[in-house]
């Protein structure tokens, strides 16, 4: 808020977990992600999500962004397949 009572409001992209669940039509991730797998996502799906999230990620290029999104998917109990 500025002294003249105006303000800036910045909207961010949706959370990565929300986008992953929406992409593969999943209700929730696994409670034990390394033991119980709840779904699969392709690298193409990972790239689509990375394009959406790119402004908010700390990645320099698309390859790093894909790795970040794939790590989030794995931590939810979702396998990344070709």
PDB file of N, CA and C in Angstrom:
ATOM      1  N   UNK A   1       0.857  -1.168   0.000  1.00  0.00           N
ATOM      2  CA  UNK A   1       0.000   0.000   0.000  1.00  0.00           C
ATOM      3  C   UNK A   1       0.904   1.232   0.000  1.00  0.00           C
ATOM      4  N   UNK A   2       0.583   2.142  -0.872  1.00  0.00           N
ATOM      5  CA  UNK A   2       1.359   3.372  -0.996  1.00  0.00           C
ATOM      6  C   UNK A   2       0.694   4.502  -0.196  1.00  0.00           C
ATOM      7  N   UNK A   3       1.404   5.612  -0.046  1.00  0.00           N
ATOM      8  CA  UNK A   3       0.906   6.731   0.757  1.00  0.00           C
ATOM      9  C   UNK A   3      -0.360   7.353   0.179  1.00  0.00           C
ATOM     10  N   UNK A   4      -0.564   7.251  -1.137  1.00  0.00           N
ATOM     11  CA  UNK A   4      -1.786   7.805  -1.728  1.00  0.00           C
ATOM     12  C   UNK A   4      -2.935   6.790  -1.712  1.00  0.00           C
ATOM     13  N   UNK A   5      -2.795   5.734  -0.911  1.00  0.00           N
ATOM     14  CA  UNK A   5      -3.803   4.696  -0.677  1.00  0.00           C
ATOM     15  C   UNK A   5      -4.042   3.789  -1.887  1.00  0.00           C
ATOM     16  N   UNK A   6      -3.138   3.784  -2.843  1.00  0.00           N
ATOM     17  CA  UNK A   6      -3.199   2.820  -3.939  1.00  0.00           C
ATOM     18  C   UNK A   6      -2.335   1.625  -3.558  1.00  0.00           C
ATOM     19  N   UNK A   7      -2.480   0.558  -4.274  1.00  0.00           N
ATOM     20  CA  UNK A   7      -1.704  -0.637  -3.965  1.00  0.00           C
ATOM     21  C   UNK A   7      -1.486  -1.462  -5.230  1.00  0.00           C
ATOM     22  N   UNK A   8      -0.520  -2.351  -5.163  1.00  0.00           N
ATOM     23  CA  UNK A   8      -0.250  -3.302  -6.239  1.00  0.00           C
ATOM     24  C   UNK A   8      -0.721  -4.672  -5.791  1.00  0.00           C
ATOM     25  N   UNK A   9      -1.333  -5.380  -6.705  1.00  0.00           N
ATOM     26  CA  UNK A   9      -1.831  -6.721  -6.414  1.00  0.00           C
ATOM     27  C   UNK A   9      -1.300  -7.653  -7.495  1.00  0.00           C
ATOM     28  N   UNK A  10      -0.501  -8.623  -7.112  1.00  0.00           N
ATOM     29  CA  UNK A  10       0.115  -9.544  -8.068  1.00  0.00           C
ATOM     30  C   UNK A  10      -0.517 -10.920  -7.891  1.00  0.00           C
ATOM     31  N   UNK A  11      -1.046 -11.467  -8.984  1.00  0.00           N
ATOM     32  CA  UNK A  11      -1.596 -12.820  -8.922  1.00  0.00           C
ATOM     33  C   UNK A  11      -0.553 -13.790  -9.446  1.00  0.00           C
ATOM     34  N   UNK A  12      -0.452 -14.913  -8.803  1.00  0.00           N
ATOM     35  CA  UNK A  12       0.505 -15.956  -9.179  1.00  0.00           C
ATOM     36  C   UNK A  12      -0.233 -17.087  -9.882  1.00  0.00           C
ATOM     37  N   UNK A  13       0.525 -18.008 -10.430  1.00  0.00           N
ATOM     38  CA  UNK A  13      -0.062 -19.186 -11.070  1.00  0.00           C
ATOM     39  C   UNK A  13      -0.537 -20.160  -9.991  1.00  0.00           C
ATOM     40  N   UNK A  14      -1.444 -21.075 -10.343  1.00  0.00           N
ATOM     41  CA  UNK A  14      -1.922 -22.050  -9.358  1.00  0.00           C
ATOM     42  C   UNK A  14      -0.773 -22.932  -8.849  1.00  0.00           C
ATOM     43  N   UNK A  15      -0.940 -23.560  -7.689  1.00  0.00           N
ATOM     44  CA  UNK A  15       0.100 -24.450  -7.172  1.00  0.00           C
ATOM     45  C   UNK A  15       0.374 -25.613  -8.129  1.00  0.00           C
ATOM     46  N   UNK A  16       1.607 -26.078  -8.126  1.00  0.00           N
ATOM     47  CA  UNK A  16       2.018 -27.165  -9.007  1.00  0.00           C
ATOM     48  C   UNK A  16       1.196 -28.422  -8.743  1.00  0.00           C
ATOM     49  N   UNK A  17       0.971 -28.748  -7.487  1.00  0.00           N
ATOM     50  CA  UNK A  17       0.220 -29.956  -7.159  1.00  0.00           C
ATOM     51  C   UNK A  17      -1.195 -29.891  -7.723  1.00  0.00           C
ATOM     52  N   UNK A  18      -1.811 -28.728  -7.694  1.00  0.00           N
ATOM     53  CA  UNK A  18      -3.152 -28.561  -8.260  1.00  0.00           C
ATOM     54  C   UNK A  18      -3.137 -28.820  -9.764  1.00  0.00           C
ATOM     55  N   UNK A  19      -2.155 -28.257 -10.458  1.00  0.00           N
ATOM     56  CA  UNK A  19      -2.075 -28.441 -11.907  1.00  0.00           C
ATOM     57  C   UNK A  19      -1.814 -29.898 -12.283  1.00  0.00           C
ATOM     58  N   UNK A  20      -0.980 -30.578 -11.497  1.00  0.00           N
ATOM     59  CA  UNK A  20      -0.697 -31.998 -11.770  1.00  0.00           C
ATOM     60  C   UNK A  20      -1.956 -32.823 -11.557  1.00  0.00           C
ATOM     61  N   UNK A  21      -2.635 -32.614 -10.434  1.00  0.00           N
ATOM     62  CA  UNK A  21      -3.860 -33.376 -10.156  1.00  0.00           C
ATOM     63  C   UNK A  21      -4.927 -33.106 -11.204  1.00  0.00           C
ATOM     64  N   UNK A  22      -5.050 -31.873 -11.640  1.00  0.00           N
ATOM     65  CA  UNK A  22      -6.027 -31.528 -12.666  1.00  0.00           C
ATOM     66  C   UNK A  22      -5.682 -32.186 -13.998  1.00  0.00           C
ATOM     67  N   UNK A  23      -4.392 -32.233 -14.324  1.00  0.00           N
ATOM     68  CA  UNK A  23      -3.952 -32.793 -15.605  1.00  0.00           C
ATOM     69  C   UNK A  23      -4.250 -34.289 -15.707  1.00  0.00           C
ATOM     70  N   UNK A  24      -4.098 -35.019 -14.608  1.00  0.00           N
ATOM     71  CA  UNK A  24      -4.335 -36.469 -14.670  1.00  0.00           C
ATOM     72  C   UNK A  24      -5.634 -36.893 -13.987  1.00  0.00           C
ATOM     73  N   UNK A  25      -6.494 -35.935 -13.680  1.00  0.00           N
ATOM     74  CA  UNK A  25      -7.811 -36.194 -13.069  1.00  0.00           C
ATOM     75  C   UNK A  25      -7.678 -37.032 -11.797  1.00  0.00           C
ATOM     76  N   UNK A  26      -6.954 -36.498 -10.845  1.00  0.00           N
ATOM     77  CA  UNK A  26      -6.688 -37.188  -9.592  1.00  0.00           C
ATOM     78  C   UNK A  26      -7.244 -36.360  -8.443  1.00  0.00           C
ATOM     79  N   UNK A  27      -7.821 -37.030  -7.445  1.00  0.00           N
ATOM     80  CA  UNK A  27      -8.373 -36.308  -6.299  1.00  0.00           C
ATOM     81  C   UNK A  27      -7.297 -35.826  -5.341  1.00  0.00           C
ATOM     82  N   UNK A  28      -6.347 -36.715  -5.005  1.00  0.00           N
ATOM     83  CA  UNK A  28      -5.270 -36.335  -4.101  1.00  0.00           C
ATOM     84  C   UNK A  28      -4.063 -37.230  -4.336  1.00  0.00           C
ATOM     85  N   UNK A  29      -2.920 -36.770  -3.851  1.00  0.00           N
ATOM     86  CA  UNK A  29      -1.684 -37.521  -3.996  1.00  0.00           C
ATOM     87  C   UNK A  29      -1.618 -38.669  -3.008  1.00  0.00           C
ATOM     88  N   UNK A  30      -0.546 -39.424  -3.078  1.00  0.00           N
ATOM     89  CA  UNK A  30      -0.356 -40.585  -2.216  1.00  0.00           C
ATOM     90  C   UNK A  30       0.098 -40.160  -0.825  1.00  0.00           C
ATOM     91  N   UNK A  31      -0.376 -40.858   0.191  1.00  0.00           N
ATOM     92  CA  UNK A  31       0.076 -40.607   1.555  1.00  0.00           C
ATOM     93  C   UNK A  31       1.487 -41.150   1.753  1.00  0.00           C
ATOM     94  N   UNK A  32       1.837 -42.191   0.985  1.00  0.00           N
ATOM     95  CA  UNK A  32       3.182 -42.788   1.012  1.00  0.00           C
ATOM     96  C   UNK A  32       3.719 -42.792  -0.420  1.00  0.00           C
ATOM     97  N   UNK A  33       4.254 -41.667  -0.884  1.00  0.00           N
ATOM     98  CA  UNK A  33       4.562 -41.496  -2.304  1.00  0.00           C
ATOM     99  C   UNK A  33       5.606 -42.446  -2.878  1.00  0.00           C
ATOM    100  N   UNK A  34       6.552 -42.916  -2.086  1.00  0.00           N
ATOM    101  CA  UNK A  34       7.579 -43.800  -2.631  1.00  0.00           C
ATOM    102  C   UNK A  34       7.165 -45.265  -2.566  1.00  0.00           C
ATOM    103  N   UNK A  35       6.069 -45.557  -1.914  1.00  0.00           N
ATOM    104  CA  UNK A  35       5.584 -46.925  -1.810  1.00  0.00           C
ATOM    105  C   UNK A  35       4.311 -47.136  -2.622  1.00  0.00           C
ATOM    106  N   UNK A  36       3.363 -46.230  -2.506  1.00  0.00           N
ATOM    107  CA  UNK A  36       2.080 -46.354  -3.198  1.00  0.00           C
ATOM    108  C   UNK A  36       2.001 -45.313  -4.317  1.00  0.00           C
ATOM    109  N   UNK A  37       1.943 -45.792  -5.548  1.00  0.00           N
ATOM    110  CA  UNK A  37       1.825 -44.898  -6.699  1.00  0.00           C
ATOM    111  C   UNK A  37       0.350 -44.737  -7.044  1.00  0.00           C
ATOM    112  N   UNK A  38      -0.065 -43.494  -7.319  1.00  0.00           N
ATOM    113  CA  UNK A  38      -1.481 -43.222  -7.554  1.00  0.00           C
ATOM    114  C   UNK A  38      -1.792 -42.834  -8.997  1.00  0.00           C
ATOM    115  N   UNK A  39      -0.766 -42.665  -9.822  1.00  0.00           N
ATOM    116  CA  UNK A  39      -1.023 -42.284 -11.204  1.00  0.00           C
ATOM    117  C   UNK A  39       0.252 -42.158 -12.005  1.00  0.00           C
ATOM    118  N   UNK A  40       0.077 -41.802 -13.274  1.00  0.00           N
ATOM    119  CA  UNK A  40       1.206 -41.612 -14.187  1.00  0.00           C
ATOM    120  C   UNK A  40       0.995 -40.322 -14.970  1.00  0.00           C
ATOM    121  N   UNK A  41       2.108 -39.665 -15.304  1.00  0.00           N
ATOM    122  CA  UNK A  41       2.067 -38.457 -16.119  1.00  0.00           C
ATOM    123  C   UNK A  41       3.211 -38.548 -17.126  1.00  0.00           C
ATOM    124  N   UNK A  42       2.980 -38.055 -18.317  1.00  0.00           N
ATOM    125  CA  UNK A  42       4.001 -38.094 -19.360  1.00  0.00           C
ATOM    126  C   UNK A  42       4.868 -36.850 -19.305  1.00  0.00           C
ATOM    127  N   UNK A  43       6.008 -36.902 -19.976  1.00  0.00           N
ATOM    128  CA  UNK A  43       6.885 -35.736 -20.039  1.00  0.00           C
ATOM    129  C   UNK A  43       6.214 -34.598 -20.795  1.00  0.00           C
ATOM    130  N   UNK A  44       5.335 -34.941 -21.720  1.00  0.00           N
ATOM    131  CA  UNK A  44       4.602 -33.904 -22.447  1.00  0.00           C
ATOM    132  C   UNK A  44       3.680 -33.144 -21.480  1.00  0.00           C
ATOM    133  N   UNK A  45       3.018 -33.877 -20.596  1.00  0.00           N
ATOM    134  CA  UNK A  45       2.179 -33.242 -19.582  1.00  0.00           C
ATOM    135  C   UNK A  45       2.991 -32.390 -18.624  1.00  0.00           C
ATOM    136  N   UNK A  46       4.181 -32.892 -18.260  1.00  0.00           N
ATOM    137  CA  UNK A  46       5.091 -32.136 -17.392  1.00  0.00           C
ATOM    138  C   UNK A  46       5.471 -30.819 -18.063  1.00  0.00           C
ATOM    139  N   UNK A  47       5.747 -30.870 -19.372  1.00  0.00           N
ATOM    140  CA  UNK A  47       6.149 -29.662 -20.093  1.00  0.00           C
ATOM    141  C   UNK A  47       5.015 -28.646 -20.170  1.00  0.00           C
ATOM    142  N   UNK A  48       3.784 -29.111 -20.362  1.00  0.00           N
ATOM    143  CA  UNK A  48       2.641 -28.204 -20.394  1.00  0.00           C
ATOM    144  C   UNK A  48       2.500 -27.460 -19.066  1.00  0.00           C
ATOM    145  N   UNK A  49       2.658 -28.187 -17.970  1.00  0.00           N
ATOM    146  CA  UNK A  49       2.561 -27.579 -16.645  1.00  0.00           C
ATOM    147  C   UNK A  49       3.734 -26.630 -16.422  1.00  0.00           C
ATOM    148  N   UNK A  50       4.928 -27.010 -16.887  1.00  0.00           N
ATOM    149  CA  UNK A  50       6.112 -26.157 -16.727  1.00  0.00           C
ATOM    150  C   UNK A  50       5.947 -24.837 -17.472  1.00  0.00           C
ATOM    151  N   UNK A  51       5.287 -24.867 -18.634  1.00  0.00           N
ATOM    152  CA  UNK A  51       5.056 -23.634 -19.385  1.00  0.00           C
ATOM    153  C   UNK A  51       4.144 -22.685 -18.605  1.00  0.00           C
ATOM    154  N   UNK A  52       3.151 -23.254 -17.924  1.00  0.00           N
ATOM    155  CA  UNK A  52       2.243 -22.444 -17.115  1.00  0.00           C
ATOM    156  C   UNK A  52       2.981 -21.855 -15.908  1.00  0.00           C
ATOM    157  N   UNK A  53       3.814 -22.664 -15.255  1.00  0.00           N
ATOM    158  CA  UNK A  53       4.481 -22.275 -14.015  1.00  0.00           C
ATOM    159  C   UNK A  53       5.777 -21.499 -14.225  1.00  0.00           C
ATOM    160  N   UNK A  54       6.275 -21.397 -15.434  1.00  0.00           N
ATOM    161  CA  UNK A  54       7.586 -20.801 -15.698  1.00  0.00           C
ATOM    162  C   UNK A  54       7.777 -19.413 -15.074  1.00  0.00           C
ATOM    163  N   UNK A  55       6.803 -18.503 -15.101  1.00  0.00           N
ATOM    164  CA  UNK A  55       7.049 -17.181 -14.488  1.00  0.00           C
ATOM    165  C   UNK A  55       7.315 -17.240 -12.981  1.00  0.00           C
ATOM    166  N   UNK A  56       6.812 -18.253 -12.304  1.00  0.00           N
ATOM    167  CA  UNK A  56       6.960 -18.339 -10.853  1.00  0.00           C
ATOM    168  C   UNK A  56       8.078 -19.266 -10.400  1.00  0.00           C
ATOM    169  N   UNK A  57       8.694 -20.000 -11.323  1.00  0.00           N
ATOM    170  CA  UNK A  57       9.752 -20.931 -10.957  1.00  0.00           C
ATOM    171  C   UNK A  57      11.108 -20.232 -10.958  1.00  0.00           C
ATOM    172  N   UNK A  58      12.041 -20.807 -10.223  1.00  0.00           N
ATOM    173  CA  UNK A  58      13.405 -20.266 -10.190  1.00  0.00           C
ATOM    174  C   UNK A  58      14.285 -20.989 -11.207  1.00  0.00           C
ATOM    175  N   UNK A  59      13.694 -21.392 -12.314  1.00  0.00           N
ATOM    176  CA  UNK A  59      14.419 -22.115 -13.356  1.00  0.00           C
ATOM    177  C   UNK A  59      14.887 -21.148 -14.442  1.00  0.00           C
ATOM    178  N   UNK A  60      16.051 -21.443 -14.982  1.00  0.00           N
ATOM    179  CA  UNK A  60      16.609 -20.604 -16.040  1.00  0.00           C
ATOM    180  C   UNK A  60      16.034 -20.984 -17.401  1.00  0.00           C
ATOM    181  N   UNK A  61      15.892 -22.291 -17.626  1.00  0.00           N
ATOM    182  CA  UNK A  61      15.369 -22.743 -18.919  1.00  0.00           C
ATOM    183  C   UNK A  61      14.291 -23.808 -18.708  1.00  0.00           C
ATOM    184  N   UNK A  62      13.701 -24.259 -19.812  1.00  0.00           N
ATOM    185  CA  UNK A  62      12.582 -25.204 -19.746  1.00  0.00           C
ATOM    186  C   UNK A  62      13.017 -26.560 -19.188  1.00  0.00           C
ATOM    187  N   UNK A  63      14.249 -26.971 -19.453  1.00  0.00           N
ATOM    188  CA  UNK A  63      14.722 -28.259 -18.952  1.00  0.00           C
ATOM    189  C   UNK A  63      14.723 -28.285 -17.428  1.00  0.00           C
ATOM    190  N   UNK A  64      15.203 -27.219 -16.809  1.00  0.00           N
ATOM    191  CA  UNK A  64      15.192 -27.133 -15.353  1.00  0.00           C
ATOM    192  C   UNK A  64      13.765 -27.066 -14.812  1.00  0.00           C
ATOM    193  N   UNK A  65      12.900 -26.360 -15.511  1.00  0.00           N
ATOM    194  CA  UNK A  65      11.500 -26.261 -15.086  1.00  0.00           C
ATOM    195  C   UNK A  65      10.832 -27.637 -15.118  1.00  0.00           C
ATOM    196  N   UNK A  66      11.108 -28.424 -16.163  1.00  0.00           N
ATOM    197  CA  UNK A  66      10.551 -29.782 -16.247  1.00  0.00           C
ATOM    198  C   UNK A  66      11.026 -30.638 -15.083  1.00  0.00           C
ATOM    199  N   UNK A  67      12.287 -30.506 -14.709  1.00  0.00           N
ATOM    200  CA  UNK A  67      12.815 -31.287 -13.588  1.00  0.00           C
ATOM    201  C   UNK A  67      12.126 -30.915 -12.276  1.00  0.00           C
ATOM    202  N   UNK A  68      11.869 -29.644 -12.078  1.00  0.00           N
ATOM    203  CA  UNK A  68      11.186 -29.187 -10.862  1.00  0.00           C
ATOM    204  C   UNK A  68       9.778 -29.765 -10.796  1.00  0.00           C
ATOM    205  N   UNK A  69       9.037 -29.696 -11.903  1.00  0.00           N
ATOM    206  CA  UNK A  69       7.666 -30.208 -11.947  1.00  0.00           C
ATOM    207  C   UNK A  69       7.659 -31.722 -11.785  1.00  0.00           C
ATOM    208  N   UNK A  70       8.615 -32.413 -12.421  1.00  0.00           N
ATOM    209  CA  UNK A  70       8.696 -33.876 -12.292  1.00  0.00           C
ATOM    210  C   UNK A  70       8.981 -34.274 -10.846  1.00  0.00           C
ATOM    211  N   UNK A  71       9.819 -33.523 -10.156  1.00  0.00           N
ATOM    212  CA  UNK A  71      10.092 -33.799  -8.748  1.00  0.00           C
ATOM    213  C   UNK A  71       8.852 -33.632  -7.890  1.00  0.00           C
ATOM    214  N   UNK A  72       8.062 -32.618  -8.193  1.00  0.00           N
ATOM    215  CA  UNK A  72       6.802 -32.425  -7.459  1.00  0.00           C
ATOM    216  C   UNK A  72       5.852 -33.590  -7.703  1.00  0.00           C
ATOM    217  N   UNK A  73       5.791 -34.048  -8.945  1.00  0.00           N
ATOM    218  CA  UNK A  73       4.915 -35.178  -9.273  1.00  0.00           C
ATOM    219  C   UNK A  73       5.368 -36.434  -8.532  1.00  0.00           C
ATOM    220  N   UNK A  74       6.674 -36.693  -8.517  1.00  0.00           N
ATOM    221  CA  UNK A  74       7.184 -37.875  -7.821  1.00  0.00           C
ATOM    222  C   UNK A  74       6.894 -37.807  -6.325  1.00  0.00           C
ATOM    223  N   UNK A  75       6.977 -36.608  -5.748  1.00  0.00           N
ATOM    224  CA  UNK A  75       6.718 -36.469  -4.313  1.00  0.00           C
ATOM    225  C   UNK A  75       5.243 -36.633  -3.982  1.00  0.00           C
ATOM    226  N   UNK A  76       4.381 -36.623  -5.016  1.00  0.00           N
ATOM    227  CA  UNK A  76       2.961 -36.868  -4.814  1.00  0.00           C
ATOM    228  C   UNK A  76       2.590 -38.337  -5.062  1.00  0.00           C
ATOM    229  N   UNK A  77       3.576 -39.153  -5.438  1.00  0.00           N
ATOM    230  CA  UNK A  77       3.311 -40.556  -5.712  1.00  0.00           C
ATOM    231  C   UNK A  77       2.865 -40.802  -7.150  1.00  0.00           C
ATOM    232  N   UNK A  78       3.311 -39.950  -8.064  1.00  0.00           N
ATOM    233  CA  UNK A  78       2.938 -40.065  -9.477  1.00  0.00           C
ATOM    234  C   UNK A  78       4.188 -40.409 -10.272  1.00  0.00           C
ATOM    235  N   UNK A  79       4.108 -41.474 -11.072  1.00  0.00           N
ATOM    236  CA  UNK A  79       5.232 -41.870 -11.917  1.00  0.00           C
ATOM    237  C   UNK A  79       5.299 -40.995 -13.145  1.00  0.00           C
ATOM    238  N   UNK A  80       6.510 -40.613 -13.531  1.00  0.00           N
ATOM    239  CA  UNK A  80       6.745 -39.856 -14.750  1.00  0.00           C
ATOM    240  C   UNK A  80       7.205 -40.849 -15.804  1.00  0.00           C
ATOM    241  N   UNK A  81       6.427 -40.983 -16.874  1.00  0.00           N
ATOM    242  CA  UNK A  81       6.717 -41.978 -17.919  1.00  0.00           C
ATOM    243  C   UNK A  81       6.939 -41.278 -19.257  1.00  0.00           C
ATOM    244  N   UNK A  82       7.518 -42.021 -20.203  1.00  0.00           N
ATOM    245  CA  UNK A  82       7.759 -41.477 -21.543  1.00  0.00           C
ATOM    246  C   UNK A  82       6.547 -41.535 -22.415  1.00  0.00           C
TER     247      UNK A  82
END
